[in-house]
Amino acid sequence: MAKLLTETYTLPTHWASYLINGDDTGLDDGEALEILDWLKGHPWLGCCLDCKNEEEFSWKNDANDLGGSTAEFTFPVHLTRESSGRKYLIYPATSVTEMLPWQKAGLSFTATGYGTKIPTTRVLYLFGRRYRIYVDQFSNAGTAYIVYQGEKVIVE
């Protein structure tokens, strides 16, 4: 079984609601932009998994040099490798069967069964979100992938 890769950061405690629930109601625009900038600088991180809220005061943290209450936030790390210009997802993830109505009726996405971005019966759960697995099918060869952050990422 693959081990879950994580990274832990000491961050401002008031970021917790946004990092865990995506709720920015308690933040002003500048604080929300600071969080987004920090997340953009860490694109390998998934959704926050854990927050050890011991609320310790620190003069600096992993996001800035502003003093304040901090906590430890743990994130999953996703990795991709590139080969021949293609990205491959190598992060352990769970997939389940979730058939679409036309699949339940025994129908095919295209008349021939071949084509691009054909939805499969499988859904991948990754970083707290669900991603439909698609396949580009030509002849006897098909490539399974998800669309992750706007890019095709091949699922092995």
N, C-alpha and C. Protein backbone atom coordinates (compact mmCIF):
# COMPACT_ATOMS: atom_id res chain seq x y z
N MET A 1 0.84 -1.18 0.00
CA MET A 1 0.00 0.00 0.00
C MET A 1 0.89 1.24 0.00
N ALA A 2 0.54 2.20 -0.83
CA ALA A 2 1.32 3.43 -0.93
C ALA A 2 1.09 4.31 0.29
N LYS A 3 2.15 4.95 0.73
CA LYS A 3 2.07 5.84 1.88
C LYS A 3 1.63 7.23 1.41
N LEU A 4 0.76 7.84 2.17
CA LEU A 4 0.30 9.19 1.86
C LEU A 4 1.42 10.17 2.14
N LEU A 5 1.81 10.93 1.15
CA LEU A 5 2.84 11.94 1.32
C LEU A 5 2.19 13.23 1.79
N THR A 6 2.74 13.82 2.84
CA THR A 6 2.18 15.07 3.37
C THR A 6 3.29 16.06 3.67
N GLU A 7 2.93 17.31 3.77
CA GLU A 7 3.82 18.37 4.23
C GLU A 7 3.05 19.18 5.26
N THR A 8 3.75 19.62 6.31
CA THR A 8 3.13 20.40 7.37
C THR A 8 3.77 21.79 7.41
N TYR A 9 2.93 22.80 7.52
CA TYR A 9 3.38 24.19 7.55
C TYR A 9 2.80 24.90 8.76
N THR A 10 3.56 25.81 9.33
CA THR A 10 3.08 26.68 10.39
C THR A 10 2.54 27.94 9.72
N LEU A 11 1.24 28.16 9.87
CA LEU A 11 0.55 29.25 9.19
C LEU A 11 -0.33 30.01 10.17
N PRO A 12 -0.76 31.23 9.80
CA PRO A 12 -1.65 31.99 10.68
C PRO A 12 -2.93 31.21 10.99
N THR A 13 -3.33 31.22 12.24
CA THR A 13 -4.52 30.48 12.68
C THR A 13 -5.78 30.97 11.96
N HIS A 14 -5.87 32.27 11.68
CA HIS A 14 -7.09 32.78 11.05
C HIS A 14 -7.24 32.32 9.60
N TRP A 15 -6.26 31.60 9.05
CA TRP A 15 -6.37 31.02 7.72
C TRP A 15 -7.17 29.71 7.74
N ALA A 16 -7.39 29.15 8.92
CA ALA A 16 -7.96 27.80 9.04
C ALA A 16 -9.29 27.64 8.30
N SER A 17 -10.21 28.56 8.49
CA SER A 17 -11.53 28.43 7.88
C SER A 17 -11.43 28.38 6.36
N TYR A 18 -10.53 29.19 5.80
CA TYR A 18 -10.37 29.20 4.34
C TYR A 18 -9.68 27.93 3.86
N LEU A 19 -8.59 27.53 4.53
CA LEU A 19 -7.83 26.37 4.07
C LEU A 19 -8.60 25.06 4.23
N ILE A 20 -9.43 24.96 5.25
CA ILE A 20 -10.14 23.72 5.51
C ILE A 20 -11.51 23.69 4.82
N ASN A 21 -12.24 24.81 4.89
CA ASN A 21 -13.62 24.83 4.37
C ASN A 21 -13.81 25.70 3.14
N GLY A 22 -12.78 26.45 2.72
CA GLY A 22 -12.94 27.37 1.60
C GLY A 22 -13.79 28.57 1.94
N ASP A 23 -13.92 28.88 3.25
CA ASP A 23 -14.78 29.97 3.74
C ASP A 23 -13.93 31.20 4.03
N ASP A 24 -14.12 32.27 3.24
CA ASP A 24 -13.34 33.48 3.42
C ASP A 24 -14.14 34.62 4.07
N THR A 25 -15.28 34.31 4.68
CA THR A 25 -16.16 35.36 5.22
C THR A 25 -15.51 36.16 6.34
N GLY A 26 -14.58 35.60 7.08
CA GLY A 26 -13.95 36.34 8.17
C GLY A 26 -12.70 37.07 7.76
N LEU A 27 -12.37 37.06 6.47
CA LEU A 27 -11.13 37.67 5.98
C LEU A 27 -11.42 38.93 5.18
N ASP A 28 -10.50 39.89 5.26
CA ASP A 28 -10.63 41.03 4.35
C ASP A 28 -9.98 40.65 3.02
N ASP A 29 -10.16 41.48 2.00
CA ASP A 29 -9.66 41.15 0.66
C ASP A 29 -8.16 40.91 0.64
N GLY A 30 -7.41 41.70 1.39
CA GLY A 30 -5.96 41.54 1.42
C GLY A 30 -5.54 40.20 2.01
N GLU A 31 -6.24 39.77 3.07
CA GLU A 31 -5.91 38.48 3.69
C GLU A 31 -6.25 37.31 2.75
N ALA A 32 -7.39 37.41 2.08
CA ALA A 32 -7.77 36.35 1.14
C ALA A 32 -6.77 36.26 -0.01
N LEU A 33 -6.30 37.42 -0.51
CA LEU A 33 -5.30 37.42 -1.58
C LEU A 33 -3.98 36.84 -1.10
N GLU A 34 -3.62 37.11 0.15
CA GLU A 34 -2.38 36.56 0.70
C GLU A 34 -2.43 35.03 0.74
N ILE A 35 -3.57 34.48 1.14
CA ILE A 35 -3.73 33.02 1.17
C ILE A 35 -3.65 32.46 -0.25
N LEU A 36 -4.35 33.07 -1.18
CA LEU A 36 -4.32 32.59 -2.57
C LEU A 36 -2.91 32.65 -3.14
N ASP A 37 -2.19 33.72 -2.85
CA ASP A 37 -0.80 33.83 -3.33
C ASP A 37 0.06 32.73 -2.73
N TRP A 38 -0.14 32.44 -1.44
CA TRP A 38 0.65 31.38 -0.80
C TRP A 38 0.32 30.03 -1.44
N LEU A 39 -0.96 29.76 -1.68
CA LEU A 39 -1.37 28.50 -2.31
C LEU A 39 -0.82 28.39 -3.73
N LYS A 40 -0.83 29.49 -4.49
CA LYS A 40 -0.29 29.46 -5.85
C LYS A 40 1.22 29.16 -5.83
N GLY A 41 1.89 29.58 -4.77
CA GLY A 41 3.31 29.29 -4.63
C GLY A 41 3.60 27.87 -4.19
N HIS A 42 2.56 27.11 -3.87
CA HIS A 42 2.69 25.72 -3.42
C HIS A 42 1.73 24.84 -4.23
N PRO A 43 1.90 24.79 -5.57
CA PRO A 43 0.93 24.08 -6.41
C PRO A 43 0.92 22.57 -6.23
N TRP A 44 1.90 22.03 -5.55
CA TRP A 44 1.97 20.58 -5.33
C TRP A 44 1.11 20.13 -4.15
N LEU A 45 0.49 21.07 -3.44
CA LEU A 45 -0.32 20.72 -2.28
C LEU A 45 -1.78 20.51 -2.65
N GLY A 46 -2.40 19.52 -2.01
CA GLY A 46 -3.83 19.29 -2.15
C GLY A 46 -4.57 20.06 -1.07
N CYS A 47 -5.84 19.71 -0.84
CA CYS A 47 -6.67 20.36 0.18
C CYS A 47 -6.16 20.02 1.57
N CYS A 48 -6.24 20.98 2.47
CA CYS A 48 -5.75 20.80 3.84
C CYS A 48 -6.42 19.59 4.50
N LEU A 49 -5.59 18.73 5.10
CA LEU A 49 -6.09 17.51 5.74
C LEU A 49 -6.31 17.68 7.23
N ASP A 50 -5.47 18.50 7.87
CA ASP A 50 -5.48 18.56 9.34
C ASP A 50 -4.95 19.90 9.80
N CYS A 51 -5.44 20.33 10.93
CA CYS A 51 -4.95 21.55 11.56
C CYS A 51 -4.79 21.27 13.04
N LYS A 52 -3.56 21.32 13.51
CA LYS A 52 -3.31 21.19 14.95
C LYS A 52 -3.38 22.59 15.52
N ASN A 53 -4.51 22.89 16.09
CA ASN A 53 -4.81 24.23 16.53
C ASN A 53 -4.38 24.45 17.98
N GLU A 54 -3.08 24.59 18.17
CA GLU A 54 -2.55 24.86 19.50
C GLU A 54 -2.41 26.35 19.75
N GLU A 55 -2.70 27.13 18.72
CA GLU A 55 -2.67 28.59 18.80
C GLU A 55 -1.48 29.13 19.57
N GLU A 56 -0.31 28.90 19.02
CA GLU A 56 0.90 29.45 19.62
C GLU A 56 1.22 30.77 18.96
N PHE A 57 1.70 31.72 19.76
CA PHE A 57 2.12 33.00 19.20
C PHE A 57 3.51 32.82 18.61
N SER A 58 3.70 33.37 17.42
CA SER A 58 5.00 33.32 16.78
C SER A 58 5.24 34.65 16.07
N TRP A 59 6.50 35.08 16.04
CA TRP A 59 6.83 36.33 15.37
C TRP A 59 6.87 36.17 13.86
N LYS A 60 6.98 34.93 13.37
CA LYS A 60 6.90 34.67 11.94
C LYS A 60 6.36 33.27 11.72
N ASN A 61 5.98 32.97 10.48
CA ASN A 61 5.45 31.65 10.13
C ASN A 61 5.90 31.32 8.72
N ASP A 62 5.41 30.23 8.16
CA ASP A 62 5.85 29.81 6.82
C ASP A 62 5.23 30.63 5.70
N ALA A 63 4.36 31.57 6.03
CA ALA A 63 3.73 32.40 5.00
C ALA A 63 4.24 33.84 5.02
N ASN A 64 4.54 34.36 6.21
CA ASN A 64 4.96 35.76 6.30
C ASN A 64 5.73 36.00 7.59
N ASP A 65 6.21 37.21 7.76
CA ASP A 65 6.96 37.58 8.96
C ASP A 65 6.12 38.44 9.91
N LEU A 66 4.81 38.27 9.86
CA LEU A 66 3.93 39.00 10.75
C LEU A 66 3.70 38.19 12.01
N GLY A 67 3.83 38.81 13.14
CA GLY A 67 3.57 38.11 14.40
C GLY A 67 2.10 37.82 14.57
N GLY A 68 1.81 36.71 15.23
CA GLY A 68 0.42 36.38 15.47
C GLY A 68 0.25 34.93 15.89
N SER A 69 -1.00 34.55 16.07
CA SER A 69 -1.34 33.19 16.46
C SER A 69 -1.14 32.25 15.27
N THR A 70 -0.47 31.12 15.50
CA THR A 70 -0.20 30.17 14.42
C THR A 70 -0.66 28.77 14.80
N ALA A 71 -0.79 27.93 13.79
CA ALA A 71 -1.14 26.53 13.98
C ALA A 71 -0.41 25.73 12.90
N GLU A 72 -0.36 24.42 13.08
CA GLU A 72 0.27 23.55 12.09
C GLU A 72 -0.80 22.98 11.15
N PHE A 73 -0.62 23.19 9.86
CA PHE A 73 -1.55 22.72 8.84
C PHE A 73 -0.86 21.63 8.02
N THR A 74 -1.54 20.50 7.82
CA THR A 74 -0.98 19.39 7.05
C THR A 74 -1.74 19.24 5.74
N PHE A 75 -0.97 19.12 4.66
CA PHE A 75 -1.52 19.01 3.32
C PHE A 75 -1.00 17.74 2.65
N PRO A 76 -1.83 17.10 1.80
CA PRO A 76 -1.31 15.99 0.99
C PRO A 76 -0.46 16.58 -0.13
N VAL A 77 0.53 15.84 -0.55
CA VAL A 77 1.40 16.27 -1.63
C VAL A 77 1.07 15.43 -2.86
N HIS A 78 0.77 16.09 -3.96
CA HIS A 78 0.55 15.33 -5.18
C HIS A 78 1.79 15.49 -6.06
N LEU A 79 2.13 14.44 -6.72
CA LEU A 79 3.29 14.44 -7.59
C LEU A 79 2.87 14.01 -8.98
N THR A 80 3.52 14.57 -9.97
CA THR A 80 3.30 14.10 -11.32
C THR A 80 4.67 13.88 -11.94
N ARG A 81 4.73 13.01 -12.89
CA ARG A 81 5.94 12.85 -13.66
C ARG A 81 5.58 13.08 -15.11
N GLU A 82 6.53 13.57 -15.85
CA GLU A 82 6.27 13.82 -17.26
C GLU A 82 7.10 12.88 -18.10
N SER A 83 6.50 12.37 -19.15
CA SER A 83 7.18 11.49 -20.08
C SER A 83 6.61 11.76 -21.46
N SER A 84 7.46 12.04 -22.40
CA SER A 84 7.04 12.32 -23.78
C SER A 84 6.01 13.43 -23.83
N GLY A 85 6.17 14.44 -22.98
CA GLY A 85 5.26 15.58 -22.99
C GLY A 85 3.93 15.35 -22.31
N ARG A 86 3.72 14.15 -21.72
CA ARG A 86 2.47 13.86 -21.04
C ARG A 86 2.69 13.86 -19.54
N LYS A 87 1.67 14.30 -18.79
CA LYS A 87 1.74 14.26 -17.33
C LYS A 87 1.04 13.01 -16.83
N TYR A 88 1.65 12.34 -15.88
CA TYR A 88 1.08 11.14 -15.28
C TYR A 88 0.87 11.39 -13.80
N LEU A 89 -0.31 11.05 -13.31
CA LEU A 89 -0.62 11.17 -11.90
C LEU A 89 -0.04 9.97 -11.16
N ILE A 90 0.78 10.21 -10.14
CA ILE A 90 1.35 9.10 -9.39
C ILE A 90 0.97 9.16 -7.92
N TYR A 91 -0.04 9.93 -7.62
CA TYR A 91 -0.52 10.05 -6.25
C TYR A 91 -1.54 8.95 -5.98
N PRO A 92 -1.47 8.29 -4.82
CA PRO A 92 -2.47 7.25 -4.55
C PRO A 92 -3.86 7.88 -4.41
N ALA A 93 -4.83 7.29 -5.09
CA ALA A 93 -6.19 7.82 -5.05
C ALA A 93 -7.18 6.66 -5.12
N THR A 94 -8.42 6.95 -4.77
CA THR A 94 -9.47 5.94 -4.77
C THR A 94 -10.43 6.22 -5.92
N SER A 95 -10.83 5.17 -6.63
CA SER A 95 -11.85 5.36 -7.66
C SER A 95 -13.05 4.47 -7.34
N VAL A 96 -14.21 4.93 -7.75
CA VAL A 96 -15.45 4.18 -7.54
C VAL A 96 -16.26 4.21 -8.83
N THR A 97 -17.21 3.30 -8.93
CA THR A 97 -18.09 3.27 -10.10
C THR A 97 -19.26 4.23 -9.87
N GLU A 98 -19.43 5.16 -10.77
CA GLU A 98 -20.57 6.09 -10.77
C GLU A 98 -21.04 6.21 -12.20
N MET A 99 -22.01 5.40 -12.56
CA MET A 99 -22.49 5.39 -13.94
C MET A 99 -23.39 6.58 -14.23
N LEU A 100 -23.23 7.12 -15.42
CA LEU A 100 -24.09 8.19 -15.90
C LEU A 100 -25.39 7.57 -16.42
N PRO A 101 -26.47 8.34 -16.52
CA PRO A 101 -27.76 7.77 -16.94
C PRO A 101 -27.68 7.00 -18.26
N TRP A 102 -26.97 7.51 -19.25
CA TRP A 102 -26.89 6.82 -20.54
C TRP A 102 -26.08 5.53 -20.42
N GLN A 103 -25.13 5.47 -19.47
CA GLN A 103 -24.38 4.23 -19.25
C GLN A 103 -25.26 3.18 -18.59
N LYS A 104 -26.11 3.62 -17.66
CA LYS A 104 -27.05 2.70 -17.01
C LYS A 104 -28.03 2.10 -18.02
N ALA A 105 -28.33 2.88 -19.07
CA ALA A 105 -29.25 2.42 -20.11
C ALA A 105 -28.56 1.53 -21.13
N GLY A 106 -27.25 1.30 -20.95
CA GLY A 106 -26.50 0.44 -21.86
C GLY A 106 -26.11 1.11 -23.16
N LEU A 107 -26.13 2.44 -23.20
CA LEU A 107 -25.79 3.17 -24.42
C LEU A 107 -24.31 3.51 -24.45
N SER A 108 -23.83 3.85 -25.65
CA SER A 108 -22.44 4.24 -25.85
C SER A 108 -22.38 5.75 -26.04
N PHE A 109 -21.27 6.36 -25.65
CA PHE A 109 -21.09 7.81 -25.77
C PHE A 109 -21.06 8.23 -27.24
N THR A 110 -20.42 7.40 -28.07
CA THR A 110 -20.38 7.66 -29.51
C THR A 110 -20.93 6.43 -30.23
N ALA A 111 -21.31 6.58 -31.47
CA ALA A 111 -21.86 5.45 -32.23
C ALA A 111 -20.85 4.33 -32.40
N THR A 112 -19.56 4.67 -32.53
CA THR A 112 -18.53 3.66 -32.76
C THR A 112 -17.87 3.17 -31.48
N GLY A 113 -17.98 3.97 -30.40
CA GLY A 113 -17.26 3.65 -29.17
C GLY A 113 -15.87 4.26 -29.14
N TYR A 114 -15.50 4.93 -30.21
CA TYR A 114 -14.19 5.58 -30.30
C TYR A 114 -14.36 7.08 -30.23
N GLY A 115 -13.30 7.76 -29.82
CA GLY A 115 -13.33 9.22 -29.78
C GLY A 115 -12.49 9.76 -28.65
N THR A 116 -12.66 11.05 -28.39
CA THR A 116 -11.89 11.70 -27.32
C THR A 116 -12.82 12.11 -26.19
N LYS A 117 -12.27 12.20 -25.01
CA LYS A 117 -12.96 12.61 -23.79
C LYS A 117 -14.27 11.84 -23.59
N ILE A 118 -14.17 10.53 -23.72
CA ILE A 118 -15.33 9.67 -23.49
C ILE A 118 -15.43 9.40 -21.99
N PRO A 119 -16.53 9.77 -21.33
CA PRO A 119 -16.67 9.53 -19.89
C PRO A 119 -16.71 8.02 -19.60
N THR A 120 -15.95 7.59 -18.61
CA THR A 120 -16.00 6.19 -18.19
C THR A 120 -16.99 6.06 -17.04
N THR A 121 -17.15 4.85 -16.56
CA THR A 121 -18.05 4.61 -15.42
C THR A 121 -17.34 4.88 -14.10
N ARG A 122 -16.07 5.27 -14.15
CA ARG A 122 -15.27 5.45 -12.93
C ARG A 122 -15.08 6.92 -12.59
N VAL A 123 -15.08 7.19 -11.27
CA VAL A 123 -14.81 8.52 -10.73
C VAL A 123 -13.67 8.38 -9.75
N LEU A 124 -12.73 9.30 -9.82
CA LEU A 124 -11.55 9.29 -8.96
C LEU A 124 -11.72 10.33 -7.86
N TYR A 125 -11.51 9.93 -6.61
CA TYR A 125 -11.56 10.87 -5.50
C TYR A 125 -10.13 11.25 -5.14
N LEU A 126 -9.83 12.52 -5.28
CA LEU A 126 -8.47 13.02 -5.12
C LEU A 126 -8.52 14.36 -4.41
N PHE A 127 -7.84 14.48 -3.29
CA PHE A 127 -7.77 15.73 -2.54
C PHE A 127 -9.14 16.28 -2.18
N GLY A 128 -10.05 15.38 -1.83
CA GLY A 128 -11.38 15.80 -1.39
C GLY A 128 -12.32 16.19 -2.51
N ARG A 129 -11.93 15.98 -3.75
CA ARG A 129 -12.80 16.31 -4.89
C ARG A 129 -12.98 15.07 -5.75
N ARG A 130 -14.02 15.09 -6.56
CA ARG A 130 -14.24 13.97 -7.45
C ARG A 130 -13.95 14.40 -8.88
N TYR A 131 -13.31 13.50 -9.61
CA TYR A 131 -12.92 13.74 -10.99
C TYR A 131 -13.39 12.56 -11.84
N ARG A 132 -14.17 12.82 -12.86
CA ARG A 132 -14.59 11.76 -13.78
C ARG A 132 -13.36 11.30 -14.56
N ILE A 133 -13.20 10.00 -14.72
CA ILE A 133 -12.12 9.47 -15.54
C ILE A 133 -12.64 9.38 -16.97
N TYR A 134 -11.89 9.98 -17.89
CA TYR A 134 -12.22 9.98 -19.30
C TYR A 134 -11.24 9.08 -20.03
N VAL A 135 -11.59 8.73 -21.26
CA VAL A 135 -10.67 7.94 -22.08
C VAL A 135 -10.70 8.48 -23.50
N ASP A 136 -9.51 8.58 -24.10
CA ASP A 136 -9.39 8.84 -25.53
C ASP A 136 -9.20 7.47 -26.15
N GLN A 137 -10.18 6.99 -26.91
CA GLN A 137 -10.17 5.62 -27.43
C GLN A 137 -10.10 5.63 -28.94
N PHE A 138 -9.03 5.04 -29.48
CA PHE A 138 -8.87 4.88 -30.92
C PHE A 138 -8.40 3.45 -31.17
N SER A 139 -9.05 2.77 -32.05
CA SER A 139 -8.71 1.38 -32.37
C SER A 139 -8.73 0.56 -31.08
N ASN A 140 -7.70 -0.24 -30.84
CA ASN A 140 -7.66 -1.06 -29.63
C ASN A 140 -6.93 -0.38 -28.48
N ALA A 141 -6.49 0.85 -28.67
CA ALA A 141 -5.71 1.54 -27.64
C ALA A 141 -6.51 2.70 -27.07
N GLY A 142 -6.47 2.82 -25.75
CA GLY A 142 -7.14 3.92 -25.07
C GLY A 142 -6.24 4.49 -23.99
N THR A 143 -6.42 5.78 -23.70
CA THR A 143 -5.66 6.44 -22.66
C THR A 143 -6.64 7.03 -21.65
N ALA A 144 -6.53 6.57 -20.39
CA ALA A 144 -7.41 7.07 -19.33
C ALA A 144 -6.77 8.29 -18.68
N TYR A 145 -7.60 9.29 -18.35
CA TYR A 145 -7.08 10.50 -17.73
C TYR A 145 -8.19 11.23 -16.98
N ILE A 146 -7.76 12.18 -16.16
CA ILE A 146 -8.69 13.12 -15.54
C ILE A 146 -8.28 14.51 -16.00
N VAL A 147 -9.17 15.46 -15.86
CA VAL A 147 -8.83 16.85 -16.12
C VAL A 147 -8.58 17.48 -14.75
N TYR A 148 -7.32 17.77 -14.47
CA TYR A 148 -6.90 18.30 -13.17
C TYR A 148 -6.25 19.65 -13.38
N GLN A 149 -6.81 20.67 -12.76
CA GLN A 149 -6.32 22.04 -12.90
C GLN A 149 -6.21 22.45 -14.37
N GLY A 150 -7.21 22.03 -15.16
CA GLY A 150 -7.29 22.42 -16.55
C GLY A 150 -6.40 21.63 -17.50
N GLU A 151 -5.70 20.62 -17.00
CA GLU A 151 -4.81 19.82 -17.83
C GLU A 151 -5.20 18.36 -17.79
N LYS A 152 -4.92 17.65 -18.90
CA LYS A 152 -5.11 16.21 -18.91
C LYS A 152 -3.98 15.58 -18.10
N VAL A 153 -4.34 14.77 -17.12
CA VAL A 153 -3.35 14.03 -16.33
C VAL A 153 -3.70 12.56 -16.46
N ILE A 154 -2.78 11.80 -17.01
CA ILE A 154 -3.02 10.37 -17.27
C ILE A 154 -3.08 9.61 -15.96
N VAL A 155 -4.06 8.73 -15.85
CA VAL A 155 -4.23 7.89 -14.66
C VAL A 155 -3.68 6.52 -14.99
N GLU A 156 -2.69 6.09 -14.20
CA GLU A 156 -2.09 4.76 -14.43
C GLU A 156 -2.84 3.72 -13.65
